Amino acid sequence: MASPVDEEMVEIMPAQLSRAALEGLVVEFVTRDGTDYGSRERAVEDKVAQVLRAIERGEARIVFETRSETVNIVPVVAARRS
């Protein structure tokens, strides 16, 4: 039986998006307030590349949260736990 949280999150496969849409989503994600990449500051391009690699390796997923109607990128561990 799916939990209510599972029913509120819809995974978006990267292949469903154009490359431009995927990159735009990742840029928006990495430039959000509160996004933390450790103690040293990194260029936006480096952050985007890091997140794209995580998505391509299956370490992160793109999810649409139906309750808030927002898209987020979450680590696979968090996606499984939710």
PDB file of N, CA and C in Angstrom:
ATOM      1  N   MET A   1       0.843  -1.185   0.000  1.00  0.00           N
ATOM      2  CA  MET A   1       0.000   0.000   0.000  1.00  0.00           C
ATOM      3  C   MET A   1       0.883   1.241   0.000  1.00  0.00           C
ATOM      4  N   ALA A   2       0.624   2.163  -0.887  1.00  0.00           N
ATOM      5  CA  ALA A   2       1.422   3.393  -0.991  1.00  0.00           C
ATOM      6  C   ALA A   2       1.067   4.335   0.141  1.00  0.00           C
ATOM      7  N   SER A   3       2.086   5.002   0.655  1.00  0.00           N
ATOM      8  CA  SER A   3       1.833   5.995   1.693  1.00  0.00           C
ATOM      9  C   SER A   3       1.293   7.259   1.056  1.00  0.00           C
ATOM     10  N   PRO A   4       0.638   8.137   1.847  1.00  0.00           N
ATOM     11  CA  PRO A   4       0.145   9.398   1.285  1.00  0.00           C
ATOM     12  C   PRO A   4       1.256  10.229   0.652  1.00  0.00           C
ATOM     13  N   VAL A   5       2.467  10.147   1.189  1.00  0.00           N
ATOM     14  CA  VAL A   5       3.582  10.915   0.627  1.00  0.00           C
ATOM     15  C   VAL A   5       3.889  10.423  -0.777  1.00  0.00           C
ATOM     16  N   ASP A   6       3.895   9.083  -0.989  1.00  0.00           N
ATOM     17  CA  ASP A   6       4.170   8.532  -2.313  1.00  0.00           C
ATOM     18  C   ASP A   6       3.163   9.040  -3.334  1.00  0.00           C
ATOM     19  N   GLU A   7       1.905   9.158  -2.937  1.00  0.00           N
ATOM     20  CA  GLU A   7       0.858   9.607  -3.835  1.00  0.00           C
ATOM     21  C   GLU A   7       0.983  11.087  -4.165  1.00  0.00           C
ATOM     22  N   GLU A   8       1.739  11.839  -3.371  1.00  0.00           N
ATOM     23  CA  GLU A   8       1.899  13.266  -3.589  1.00  0.00           C
ATOM     24  C   GLU A   8       3.126  13.591  -4.422  1.00  0.00           C
ATOM     25  N   MET A   9       3.944  12.599  -4.744  1.00  0.00           N
ATOM     26  CA  MET A   9       5.159  12.829  -5.513  1.00  0.00           C
ATOM     27  C   MET A   9       5.134  11.996  -6.787  1.00  0.00           C
ATOM     28  N   VAL A  10       5.329  12.662  -7.915  1.00  0.00           N
ATOM     29  CA  VAL A  10       5.357  11.989  -9.206  1.00  0.00           C
ATOM     30  C   VAL A  10       6.761  12.161  -9.779  1.00  0.00           C
ATOM     31  N   GLU A  11       7.421  11.053 -10.058  1.00  0.00           N
ATOM     32  CA  GLU A  11       8.762  11.138 -10.617  1.00  0.00           C
ATOM     33  C   GLU A  11       8.706  11.547 -12.082  1.00  0.00           C
ATOM     34  N   ILE A  12       9.578  12.449 -12.455  1.00  0.00           N
ATOM     35  CA  ILE A  12       9.715  12.876 -13.843  1.00  0.00           C
ATOM     36  C   ILE A  12      11.031  12.301 -14.349  1.00  0.00           C
ATOM     37  N   MET A  13      10.946  11.491 -15.376  1.00  0.00           N
ATOM     38  CA  MET A  13      12.154  10.896 -15.936  1.00  0.00           C
ATOM     39  C   MET A  13      12.887  11.952 -16.761  1.00  0.00           C
ATOM     40  N   PRO A  14      14.209  12.052 -16.647  1.00  0.00           N
ATOM     41  CA  PRO A  14      14.961  13.048 -17.406  1.00  0.00           C
ATOM     42  C   PRO A  14      14.698  12.984 -18.913  1.00  0.00           C
ATOM     43  N   ALA A  15      14.462  11.785 -19.428  1.00  0.00           N
ATOM     44  CA  ALA A  15      14.210  11.629 -20.867  1.00  0.00           C
ATOM     45  C   ALA A  15      12.888  12.273 -21.300  1.00  0.00           C
ATOM     46  N   GLN A  16      12.008  12.560 -20.346  1.00  0.00           N
ATOM     47  CA  GLN A  16      10.741  13.213 -20.660  1.00  0.00           C
ATOM     48  C   GLN A  16      10.934  14.706 -20.947  1.00  0.00           C
ATOM     49  N   LEU A  17      12.087  15.233 -20.606  1.00  0.00           N
ATOM     50  CA  LEU A  17      12.361  16.659 -20.768  1.00  0.00           C
ATOM     51  C   LEU A  17      13.364  16.877 -21.893  1.00  0.00           C
ATOM     52  N   SER A  18      13.236  17.998 -22.570  1.00  0.00           N
ATOM     53  CA  SER A  18      14.274  18.359 -23.536  1.00  0.00           C
ATOM     54  C   SER A  18      15.540  18.688 -22.742  1.00  0.00           C
ATOM     55  N   ARG A  19      16.671  18.676 -23.397  1.00  0.00           N
ATOM     56  CA  ARG A  19      17.929  19.010 -22.714  1.00  0.00           C
ATOM     57  C   ARG A  19      17.864  20.423 -22.145  1.00  0.00           C
ATOM     58  N   ALA A  20      17.273  21.360 -22.898  1.00  0.00           N
ATOM     59  CA  ALA A  20      17.156  22.748 -22.435  1.00  0.00           C
ATOM     60  C   ALA A  20      16.261  22.839 -21.205  1.00  0.00           C
ATOM     61  N   ALA A  21      15.160  22.087 -21.204  1.00  0.00           N
ATOM     62  CA  ALA A  21      14.257  22.107 -20.051  1.00  0.00           C
ATOM     63  C   ALA A  21      14.940  21.498 -18.823  1.00  0.00           C
ATOM     64  N   LEU A  22      15.659  20.400 -19.019  1.00  0.00           N
ATOM     65  CA  LEU A  22      16.376  19.760 -17.914  1.00  0.00           C
ATOM     66  C   LEU A  22      17.426  20.705 -17.334  1.00  0.00           C
ATOM     67  N   GLU A  23      18.221  21.320 -18.200  1.00  0.00           N
ATOM     68  CA  GLU A  23      19.245  22.248 -17.720  1.00  0.00           C
ATOM     69  C   GLU A  23      18.622  23.457 -17.032  1.00  0.00           C
ATOM     70  N   GLY A  24      17.512  23.966 -17.566  1.00  0.00           N
ATOM     71  CA  GLY A  24      16.823  25.086 -16.924  1.00  0.00           C
ATOM     72  C   GLY A  24      16.310  24.722 -15.544  1.00  0.00           C
ATOM     73  N   LEU A  25      15.769  23.527 -15.412  1.00  0.00           N
ATOM     74  CA  LEU A  25      15.293  23.044 -14.117  1.00  0.00           C
ATOM     75  C   LEU A  25      16.439  22.948 -13.124  1.00  0.00           C
ATOM     76  N   VAL A  26      17.568  22.411 -13.571  1.00  0.00           N
ATOM     77  CA  VAL A  26      18.723  22.257 -12.682  1.00  0.00           C
ATOM     78  C   VAL A  26      19.287  23.627 -12.296  1.00  0.00           C
ATOM     79  N   VAL A  27      19.364  24.560 -13.227  1.00  0.00           N
ATOM     80  CA  VAL A  27      19.843  25.910 -12.910  1.00  0.00           C
ATOM     81  C   VAL A  27      18.938  26.540 -11.852  1.00  0.00           C
ATOM     82  N   GLU A  28      17.634  26.430 -12.039  1.00  0.00           N
ATOM     83  CA  GLU A  28      16.696  26.987 -11.053  1.00  0.00           C
ATOM     84  C   GLU A  28      16.907  26.330  -9.694  1.00  0.00           C
ATOM     85  N   PHE A  29      17.108  25.023  -9.683  1.00  0.00           N
ATOM     86  CA  PHE A  29      17.317  24.285  -8.439  1.00  0.00           C
ATOM     87  C   PHE A  29      18.579  24.749  -7.711  1.00  0.00           C
ATOM     88  N   VAL A  30      19.697  24.839  -8.425  1.00  0.00           N
ATOM     89  CA  VAL A  30      20.962  25.166  -7.753  1.00  0.00           C
ATOM     90  C   VAL A  30      21.049  26.626  -7.327  1.00  0.00           C
ATOM     91  N   THR A  31      20.199  27.472  -7.890  1.00  0.00           N
ATOM     92  CA  THR A  31      20.242  28.886  -7.513  1.00  0.00           C
ATOM     93  C   THR A  31      19.184  29.250  -6.471  1.00  0.00           C
ATOM     94  N   ARG A  32      18.441  28.269  -5.993  1.00  0.00           N
ATOM     95  CA  ARG A  32      17.448  28.520  -4.936  1.00  0.00           C
ATOM     96  C   ARG A  32      18.156  28.925  -3.654  1.00  0.00           C
ATOM     97  N   ASP A  33      17.507  29.772  -2.885  1.00  0.00           N
ATOM     98  CA  ASP A  33      18.015  30.109  -1.555  1.00  0.00           C
ATOM     99  C   ASP A  33      18.024  28.856  -0.702  1.00  0.00           C
ATOM    100  N   GLY A  34      19.067  28.695   0.083  1.00  0.00           N
ATOM    101  CA  GLY A  34      19.160  27.568   0.992  1.00  0.00           C
ATOM    102  C   GLY A  34      19.819  26.339   0.406  1.00  0.00           C
ATOM    103  N   THR A  35      20.168  26.355  -0.871  1.00  0.00           N
ATOM    104  CA  THR A  35      20.862  25.218  -1.455  1.00  0.00           C
ATOM    105  C   THR A  35      22.310  25.266  -1.000  1.00  0.00           C
ATOM    106  N   ASP A  36      22.770  24.199  -0.366  1.00  0.00           N
ATOM    107  CA  ASP A  36      24.095  24.182   0.248  1.00  0.00           C
ATOM    108  C   ASP A  36      24.997  23.187  -0.459  1.00  0.00           C
ATOM    109  N   TYR A  37      26.180  23.637  -0.838  1.00  0.00           N
ATOM    110  CA  TYR A  37      27.155  22.780  -1.517  1.00  0.00           C
ATOM    111  C   TYR A  37      28.462  22.677  -0.732  1.00  0.00           C
ATOM    112  N   GLY A  38      28.382  22.845   0.569  1.00  0.00           N
ATOM    113  CA  GLY A  38      29.575  22.699   1.383  1.00  0.00           C
ATOM    114  C   GLY A  38      30.173  24.025   1.794  1.00  0.00           C
ATOM    115  N   SER A  39      31.370  23.949   2.344  1.00  0.00           N
ATOM    116  CA  SER A  39      32.001  25.124   2.942  1.00  0.00           C
ATOM    117  C   SER A  39      32.581  26.094   1.920  1.00  0.00           C
ATOM    118  N   ARG A  40      32.890  25.622   0.725  1.00  0.00           N
ATOM    119  CA  ARG A  40      33.455  26.556  -0.259  1.00  0.00           C
ATOM    120  C   ARG A  40      32.445  26.855  -1.361  1.00  0.00           C
ATOM    121  N   GLU A  41      32.456  28.061  -1.808  1.00  0.00           N
ATOM    122  CA  GLU A  41      31.530  28.507  -2.848  1.00  0.00           C
ATOM    123  C   GLU A  41      31.949  27.925  -4.197  1.00  0.00           C
ATOM    124  N   ARG A  42      30.977  27.536  -4.989  1.00  0.00           N
ATOM    125  CA  ARG A  42      31.250  26.997  -6.319  1.00  0.00           C
ATOM    126  C   ARG A  42      30.482  27.805  -7.349  1.00  0.00           C
ATOM    127  N   ALA A  43      30.988  27.825  -8.560  1.00  0.00           N
ATOM    128  CA  ALA A  43      30.313  28.507  -9.658  1.00  0.00           C
ATOM    129  C   ALA A  43      29.017  27.776  -9.993  1.00  0.00           C
ATOM    130  N   VAL A  44      28.029  28.523 -10.469  1.00  0.00           N
ATOM    131  CA  VAL A  44      26.746  27.928 -10.840  1.00  0.00           C
ATOM    132  C   VAL A  44      26.960  26.808 -11.856  1.00  0.00           C
ATOM    133  N   GLU A  45      27.850  27.015 -12.803  1.00  0.00           N
ATOM    134  CA  GLU A  45      28.105  25.997 -13.826  1.00  0.00           C
ATOM    135  C   GLU A  45      28.595  24.692 -13.202  1.00  0.00           C
ATOM    136  N   ASP A  46      29.440  24.795 -12.171  1.00  0.00           N
ATOM    137  CA  ASP A  46      29.936  23.599 -11.482  1.00  0.00           C
ATOM    138  C   ASP A  46      28.808  22.896 -10.741  1.00  0.00           C
ATOM    139  N   LYS A  47      27.937  23.673 -10.104  1.00  0.00           N
ATOM    140  CA  LYS A  47      26.798  23.095  -9.379  1.00  0.00           C
ATOM    141  C   LYS A  47      25.855  22.390 -10.348  1.00  0.00           C
ATOM    142  N   VAL A  48      25.595  23.030 -11.482  1.00  0.00           N
ATOM    143  CA  VAL A  48      24.709  22.437 -12.491  1.00  0.00           C
ATOM    144  C   VAL A  48      25.303  21.122 -12.981  1.00  0.00           C
ATOM    145  N   ALA A  49      26.573  21.105 -13.290  1.00  0.00           N
ATOM    146  CA  ALA A  49      27.234  19.886 -13.768  1.00  0.00           C
ATOM    147  C   ALA A  49      27.156  18.780 -12.721  1.00  0.00           C
ATOM    148  N   GLN A  50      27.349  19.129 -11.458  1.00  0.00           N
ATOM    149  CA  GLN A  50      27.290  18.153 -10.372  1.00  0.00           C
ATOM    150  C   GLN A  50      25.894  17.530 -10.279  1.00  0.00           C
ATOM    151  N   VAL A  51      24.860  18.341 -10.332  1.00  0.00           N
ATOM    152  CA  VAL A  51      23.492  17.840 -10.228  1.00  0.00           C
ATOM    153  C   VAL A  51      23.117  17.028 -11.467  1.00  0.00           C
ATOM    154  N   LEU A  52      23.503  17.492 -12.654  1.00  0.00           N
ATOM    155  CA  LEU A  52      23.227  16.728 -13.873  1.00  0.00           C
ATOM    156  C   LEU A  52      23.886  15.350 -13.820  1.00  0.00           C
ATOM    157  N   ARG A  53      25.119  15.291 -13.330  1.00  0.00           N
ATOM    158  CA  ARG A  53      25.797  13.989 -13.193  1.00  0.00           C
ATOM    159  C   ARG A  53      25.033  13.085 -12.231  1.00  0.00           C
ATOM    160  N   ALA A  54      24.572  13.648 -11.118  1.00  0.00           N
ATOM    161  CA  ALA A  54      23.824  12.847 -10.139  1.00  0.00           C
ATOM    162  C   ALA A  54      22.534  12.301 -10.752  1.00  0.00           C
ATOM    163  N   ILE A  55      21.861  13.111 -11.550  1.00  0.00           N
ATOM    164  CA  ILE A  55      20.639  12.656 -12.224  1.00  0.00           C
ATOM    165  C   ILE A  55      20.974  11.566 -13.238  1.00  0.00           C
ATOM    166  N   GLU A  56      21.991  11.780 -14.041  1.00  0.00           N
ATOM    167  CA  GLU A  56      22.380  10.813 -15.067  1.00  0.00           C
ATOM    168  C   GLU A  56      22.828   9.485 -14.467  1.00  0.00           C
ATOM    169  N   ARG A  57      23.455   9.511 -13.295  1.00  0.00           N
ATOM    170  CA  ARG A  57      23.911   8.286 -12.633  1.00  0.00           C
ATOM    171  C   ARG A  57      22.810   7.620 -11.821  1.00  0.00           C
ATOM    172  N   GLY A  58      21.650   8.261 -11.741  1.00  0.00           N
ATOM    173  CA  GLY A  58      20.553   7.694 -10.959  1.00  0.00           C
ATOM    174  C   GLY A  58      20.681   7.956  -9.476  1.00  0.00           C
ATOM    175  N   GLU A  59      21.538   8.876  -9.093  1.00  0.00           N
ATOM    176  CA  GLU A  59      21.730   9.211  -7.679  1.00  0.00           C
ATOM    177  C   GLU A  59      20.744  10.268  -7.200  1.00  0.00           C
ATOM    178  N   ALA A  60      20.084  10.933  -8.142  1.00  0.00           N
ATOM    179  CA  ALA A  60      19.087  11.951  -7.823  1.00  0.00           C
ATOM    180  C   ALA A  60      17.924  11.796  -8.777  1.00  0.00           C
ATOM    181  N   ARG A  61      16.748  12.180  -8.301  1.00  0.00           N
ATOM    182  CA  ARG A  61      15.539  12.080  -9.111  1.00  0.00           C
ATOM    183  C   ARG A  61      14.835  13.427  -9.164  1.00  0.00           C
ATOM    184  N   ILE A  62      14.101  13.610 -10.235  1.00  0.00           N
ATOM    185  CA  ILE A  62      13.280  14.803 -10.393  1.00  0.00           C
ATOM    186  C   ILE A  62      11.866  14.405  -9.995  1.00  0.00           C
ATOM    187  N   VAL A  63      11.268  15.135  -9.071  1.00  0.00           N
ATOM    188  CA  VAL A  63       9.914  14.815  -8.633  1.00  0.00           C
ATOM    189  C   VAL A  63       9.022  16.052  -8.682  1.00  0.00           C
ATOM    190  N   PHE A  64       7.778  15.820  -9.056  1.00  0.00           N
ATOM    191  CA  PHE A  64       6.755  16.852  -9.016  1.00  0.00           C
ATOM    192  C   PHE A  64       5.932  16.580  -7.778  1.00  0.00           C
ATOM    193  N   GLU A  65       5.853  17.566  -6.915  1.00  0.00           N
ATOM    194  CA  GLU A  65       5.090  17.432  -5.677  1.00  0.00           C
ATOM    195  C   GLU A  65       3.701  18.017  -5.915  1.00  0.00           C
ATOM    196  N   THR A  66       2.700  17.130  -5.937  1.00  0.00           N
ATOM    197  CA  THR A  66       1.352  17.548  -6.310  1.00  0.00           C
ATOM    198  C   THR A  66       0.732  18.512  -5.313  1.00  0.00           C
ATOM    199  N   ARG A  67       1.042  18.354  -4.053  1.00  0.00           N
ATOM    200  CA  ARG A  67       0.436  19.226  -3.037  1.00  0.00           C
ATOM    201  C   ARG A  67       0.878  20.680  -3.226  1.00  0.00           C
ATOM    202  N   SER A  68       2.181  20.894  -3.421  1.00  0.00           N
ATOM    203  CA  SER A  68       2.705  22.261  -3.568  1.00  0.00           C
ATOM    204  C   SER A  68       2.816  22.689  -5.035  1.00  0.00           C
ATOM    205  N   GLU A  69       2.601  21.738  -5.940  1.00  0.00           N
ATOM    206  CA  GLU A  69       2.735  21.970  -7.378  1.00  0.00           C
ATOM    207  C   GLU A  69       4.112  22.529  -7.731  1.00  0.00           C
ATOM    208  N   THR A  70       5.139  21.918  -7.138  1.00  0.00           N
ATOM    209  CA  THR A  70       6.515  22.320  -7.398  1.00  0.00           C
ATOM    210  C   THR A  70       7.327  21.119  -7.861  1.00  0.00           C
ATOM    211  N   VAL A  71       8.427  21.429  -8.540  1.00  0.00           N
ATOM    212  CA  VAL A  71       9.358  20.396  -8.978  1.00  0.00           C
ATOM    213  C   VAL A  71      10.589  20.499  -8.104  1.00  0.00           C
ATOM    214  N   ASN A  72      11.119  19.355  -7.715  1.00  0.00           N
ATOM    215  CA  ASN A  72      12.294  19.333  -6.874  1.00  0.00           C
ATOM    216  C   ASN A  72      13.229  18.230  -7.362  1.00  0.00           C
ATOM    217  N   ILE A  73      14.472  18.333  -6.981  1.00  0.00           N
ATOM    218  CA  ILE A  73      15.460  17.288  -7.264  1.00  0.00           C
ATOM    219  C   ILE A  73      15.893  16.743  -5.918  1.00  0.00           C
ATOM    220  N   VAL A  74      15.735  15.434  -5.755  1.00  0.00           N
ATOM    221  CA  VAL A  74      16.014  14.816  -4.463  1.00  0.00           C
ATOM    222  C   VAL A  74      16.988  13.660  -4.629  1.00  0.00           C
ATOM    223  N   PRO A  75      17.822  13.437  -3.603  1.00  0.00           N
ATOM    224  CA  PRO A  75      18.692  12.246  -3.645  1.00  0.00           C
ATOM    225  C   PRO A  75      17.831  10.998  -3.693  1.00  0.00           C
ATOM    226  N   VAL A  76      18.301   9.947  -4.315  1.00  0.00           N
ATOM    227  CA  VAL A  76      17.551   8.704  -4.412  1.00  0.00           C
ATOM    228  C   VAL A  76      17.175   8.191  -3.034  1.00  0.00           C
ATOM    229  N   VAL A  77      18.046   8.296  -2.077  1.00  0.00           N
ATOM    230  CA  VAL A  77      17.757   7.841  -0.728  1.00  0.00           C
ATOM    231  C   VAL A  77      16.520   8.545  -0.186  1.00  0.00           C
ATOM    232  N   ALA A  78      16.422   9.859  -0.366  1.00  0.00           N
ATOM    233  CA  ALA A  78      15.268  10.622   0.102  1.00  0.00           C
ATOM    234  C   ALA A  78      14.014  10.230  -0.673  1.00  0.00           C
ATOM    235  N   ALA A  79      14.147   9.978  -1.959  1.00  0.00           N
ATOM    236  CA  ALA A  79      13.001   9.616  -2.782  1.00  0.00           C
ATOM    237  C   ALA A  79      12.452   8.263  -2.339  1.00  0.00           C
ATOM    238  N   ARG A  80      13.313   7.336  -1.966  1.00  0.00           N
ATOM    239  CA  ARG A  80      12.877   6.014  -1.509  1.00  0.00           C
ATOM    240  C   ARG A  80      12.221   6.096  -0.144  1.00  0.00           C
ATOM    241  N   ARG A  81      12.750   6.948   0.721  1.00  0.00           N
ATOM    242  CA  ARG A  81      12.276   7.076   2.080  1.00  0.00           C
ATOM    243  C   ARG A  81      10.911   7.758   2.128  1.00  0.00           C
ATOM    244  N   SER A  82      10.663   8.662   1.191  1.00  0.00           N
ATOM    245  CA  SER A  82       9.418   9.451   1.203  1.00  0.00           C
ATOM    246  C   SER A  82       8.214   8.622   0.866  1.00  0.00           C
TER     247      SER A  82
END
